[in-house]
Amino acid sequence: MSARSGPPLGFAEALDLPLIVDLRTAARAFGICPATAYKLIRLGTFPCPVLRVGGRYRIPTAYLLRTLGIEERPVYAVPLEDDEESAAQSHDAHVRASEVPA
């Protein structure tokens, strides 16, 4: 078994996580190996709350991100491609409507 279960989690990847993650993913986010994560849970010192679902550990992503210091999702000022097209279409419709003589 390797020391880590993959490269550390990046910022963008962390923001794309589902609502709840497995212990290996949480360990990657903290930059620790899964064995250390299990040990921390047994000692009651894992950095964020852990749920036990059946025989598996699950970590709510909100707790994980908050522990990592990510309080809110960033809001991007640049519109996405789909938003650009719909914004352009609504702008064109508004311009045409304002050109109609009263």
C-alpha atoms as a PDB file:
ATOM      1  CA  MET A   1       0.000   0.000   0.000  1.00  0.00           C
ATOM      2  CA  SER A   2       1.363   3.420  -0.885  1.00  0.00           C
ATOM      3  CA  ALA A   3       1.846   6.187   1.653  1.00  0.00           C
ATOM      4  CA  ARG A   4      -0.853   8.264   0.009  1.00  0.00           C
ATOM      5  CA  SER A   5      -3.899   7.374  -2.032  1.00  0.00           C
ATOM      6  CA  GLY A   6      -3.023   9.891  -4.751  1.00  0.00           C
ATOM      7  CA  PRO A   7      -1.752  13.416  -5.201  1.00  0.00           C
ATOM      8  CA  PRO A   8      -3.002  16.040  -2.745  1.00  0.00           C
ATOM      9  CA  LEU A   9      -6.399  17.478  -3.583  1.00  0.00           C
ATOM     10  CA  GLY A  10      -6.264  20.750  -5.503  1.00  0.00           C
ATOM     11  CA  PHE A  11      -8.456  23.781  -4.818  1.00  0.00           C
ATOM     12  CA  ALA A  12     -10.603  23.367  -7.923  1.00  0.00           C
ATOM     13  CA  GLU A  13     -10.988  19.636  -7.277  1.00  0.00           C
ATOM     14  CA  ALA A  14     -12.036  20.325  -3.668  1.00  0.00           C
ATOM     15  CA  LEU A  15     -14.812  22.634  -4.864  1.00  0.00           C
ATOM     16  CA  ASP A  16     -16.160  19.902  -7.158  1.00  0.00           C
ATOM     17  CA  LEU A  17     -16.562  17.300  -4.406  1.00  0.00           C
ATOM     18  CA  PRO A  18     -19.978  15.731  -3.752  1.00  0.00           C
ATOM     19  CA  LEU A  19     -21.868  16.478  -0.518  1.00  0.00           C
ATOM     20  CA  ILE A  20     -20.128  13.674   1.354  1.00  0.00           C
ATOM     21  CA  VAL A  21     -16.775  11.986   0.681  1.00  0.00           C
ATOM     22  CA  ASP A  22     -15.012   8.806   1.705  1.00  0.00           C
ATOM     23  CA  LEU A  23     -12.090   8.738   4.109  1.00  0.00           C
ATOM     24  CA  ARG A  24      -9.466   8.318   1.371  1.00  0.00           C
ATOM     25  CA  THR A  25     -10.621  11.518  -0.352  1.00  0.00           C
ATOM     26  CA  ALA A  26     -10.623  13.424   2.951  1.00  0.00           C
ATOM     27  CA  ALA A  27      -7.124  12.097   3.688  1.00  0.00           C
ATOM     28  CA  ARG A  28      -5.948  13.377   0.282  1.00  0.00           C
ATOM     29  CA  ALA A  29      -7.434  16.784   1.070  1.00  0.00           C
ATOM     30  CA  PHE A  30      -5.439  16.952   4.300  1.00  0.00           C
ATOM     31  CA  GLY A  31      -2.309  15.538   2.659  1.00  0.00           C
ATOM     32  CA  ILE A  32      -2.132  12.482   4.909  1.00  0.00           C
ATOM     33  CA  CYS A  33      -2.124   8.791   4.139  1.00  0.00           C
ATOM     34  CA  PRO A  34      -5.316   6.762   4.727  1.00  0.00           C
ATOM     35  CA  ALA A  35      -3.642   4.746   7.519  1.00  0.00           C
ATOM     36  CA  THR A  36      -2.957   7.969   9.410  1.00  0.00           C
ATOM     37  CA  ALA A  37      -6.544   9.079   8.841  1.00  0.00           C
ATOM     38  CA  TYR A  38      -7.861   5.832  10.356  1.00  0.00           C
ATOM     39  CA  LYS A  39      -5.498   6.235  13.310  1.00  0.00           C
ATOM     40  CA  LEU A  40      -6.668   9.824  13.895  1.00  0.00           C
ATOM     41  CA  ILE A  41     -10.300   8.663  13.870  1.00  0.00           C
ATOM     42  CA  ARG A  42      -9.531   5.938  16.421  1.00  0.00           C
ATOM     43  CA  LEU A  43      -7.824   8.543  18.621  1.00  0.00           C
ATOM     44  CA  GLY A  44     -10.724  10.975  18.160  1.00  0.00           C
ATOM     45  CA  THR A  45      -8.430  13.626  16.693  1.00  0.00           C
ATOM     46  CA  PHE A  46      -9.416  13.658  13.017  1.00  0.00           C
ATOM     47  CA  PRO A  47      -9.454  17.342  11.957  1.00  0.00           C
ATOM     48  CA  CYS A  48     -13.198  17.424  11.168  1.00  0.00           C
ATOM     49  CA  PRO A  49     -16.373  15.519  12.117  1.00  0.00           C
ATOM     50  CA  VAL A  50     -16.623  11.984  10.735  1.00  0.00           C
ATOM     51  CA  LEU A  51     -19.798   9.941  10.216  1.00  0.00           C
ATOM     52  CA  ARG A  52     -19.806   6.175  10.499  1.00  0.00           C
ATOM     53  CA  VAL A  53     -22.234   4.729   7.944  1.00  0.00           C
ATOM     54  CA  GLY A  54     -22.380   0.978   8.302  1.00  0.00           C
ATOM     55  CA  GLY A  55     -18.773  -0.131   8.367  1.00  0.00           C
ATOM     56  CA  ARG A  56     -17.458   2.881   6.459  1.00  0.00           C
ATOM     57  CA  TYR A  57     -16.417   6.389   7.378  1.00  0.00           C
ATOM     58  CA  ARG A  58     -17.902   9.361   5.539  1.00  0.00           C
ATOM     59  CA  ILE A  59     -16.988  13.020   5.853  1.00  0.00           C
ATOM     60  CA  PRO A  60     -19.463  15.796   4.956  1.00  0.00           C
ATOM     61  CA  THR A  61     -17.759  18.042   2.416  1.00  0.00           C
ATOM     62  CA  ALA A  62     -18.948  21.216   4.174  1.00  0.00           C
ATOM     63  CA  TYR A  63     -16.974  20.224   7.309  1.00  0.00           C
ATOM     64  CA  LEU A  64     -13.977  19.227   5.225  1.00  0.00           C
ATOM     65  CA  LEU A  65     -13.868  22.539   3.337  1.00  0.00           C
ATOM     66  CA  ARG A  66     -14.446  24.584   6.502  1.00  0.00           C
ATOM     67  CA  THR A  67     -11.557  22.789   8.241  1.00  0.00           C
ATOM     68  CA  LEU A  68      -9.360  23.560   5.237  1.00  0.00           C
ATOM     69  CA  GLY A  69     -10.288  27.233   5.573  1.00  0.00           C
ATOM     70  CA  ILE A  70     -12.607  27.334   2.573  1.00  0.00           C
ATOM     71  CA  GLU A  71     -15.710  29.016   3.956  1.00  0.00           C
ATOM     72  CA  GLU A  72     -17.508  29.885   0.745  1.00  0.00           C
ATOM     73  CA  ARG A  73     -17.465  28.836  -2.869  1.00  0.00           C
ATOM     74  CA  PRO A  74     -15.911  31.504  -5.077  1.00  0.00           C
ATOM     75  CA  VAL A  75     -18.186  33.460  -7.376  1.00  0.00           C
ATOM     76  CA  TYR A  76     -16.651  33.906 -10.784  1.00  0.00           C
ATOM     77  CA  ALA A  77     -16.958  37.310 -12.444  1.00  0.00           C
ATOM     78  CA  VAL A  78     -16.476  35.821 -15.885  1.00  0.00           C
ATOM     79  CA  PRO A  79     -19.734  34.328 -17.230  1.00  0.00           C
ATOM     80  CA  LEU A  80     -19.675  30.733 -18.366  1.00  0.00           C
ATOM     81  CA  GLU A  81     -20.093  29.934 -22.071  1.00  0.00           C
ATOM     82  CA  ASP A  82     -23.796  29.075 -21.810  1.00  0.00           C
ATOM     83  CA  ASP A  83     -24.456  32.212 -19.775  1.00  0.00           C
ATOM     84  CA  GLU A  84     -22.656  34.337 -22.397  1.00  0.00           C
ATOM     85  CA  GLU A  85     -24.862  33.015 -25.198  1.00  0.00           C
ATOM     86  CA  SER A  86     -28.100  33.479 -23.258  1.00  0.00           C
ATOM     87  CA  ALA A  87     -27.008  36.958 -22.119  1.00  0.00           C
ATOM     88  CA  ALA A  88     -26.246  37.938 -25.712  1.00  0.00           C
ATOM     89  CA  GLN A  89     -29.612  36.607 -26.906  1.00  0.00           C
ATOM     90  CA  SER A  90     -31.548  38.455 -24.194  1.00  0.00           C
ATOM     91  CA  HIS A  91     -29.565  41.645 -24.952  1.00  0.00           C
ATOM     92  CA  ASP A  92     -30.405  41.346 -28.681  1.00  0.00           C
ATOM     93  CA  ALA A  93     -34.093  40.808 -27.872  1.00  0.00           C
ATOM     94  CA  HIS A  94     -34.072  43.846 -25.567  1.00  0.00           C
ATOM     95  CA  VAL A  95     -32.433  46.014 -28.257  1.00  0.00           C
ATOM     96  CA  ARG A  96     -34.996  44.903 -30.881  1.00  0.00           C
ATOM     97  CA  ALA A  97     -37.881  45.573 -28.493  1.00  0.00           C
ATOM     98  CA  SER A  98     -36.622  49.079 -27.756  1.00  0.00           C
ATOM     99  CA  GLU A  99     -36.307  49.870 -31.501  1.00  0.00           C
ATOM    100  CA  VAL A 100     -40.015  49.267 -32.155  1.00  0.00           C
ATOM    101  CA  PRO A 101     -41.771  52.638 -32.619  1.00  0.00           C
ATOM    102  CA  ALA A 102     -44.438  53.399 -30.043  1.00  0.00           C
END
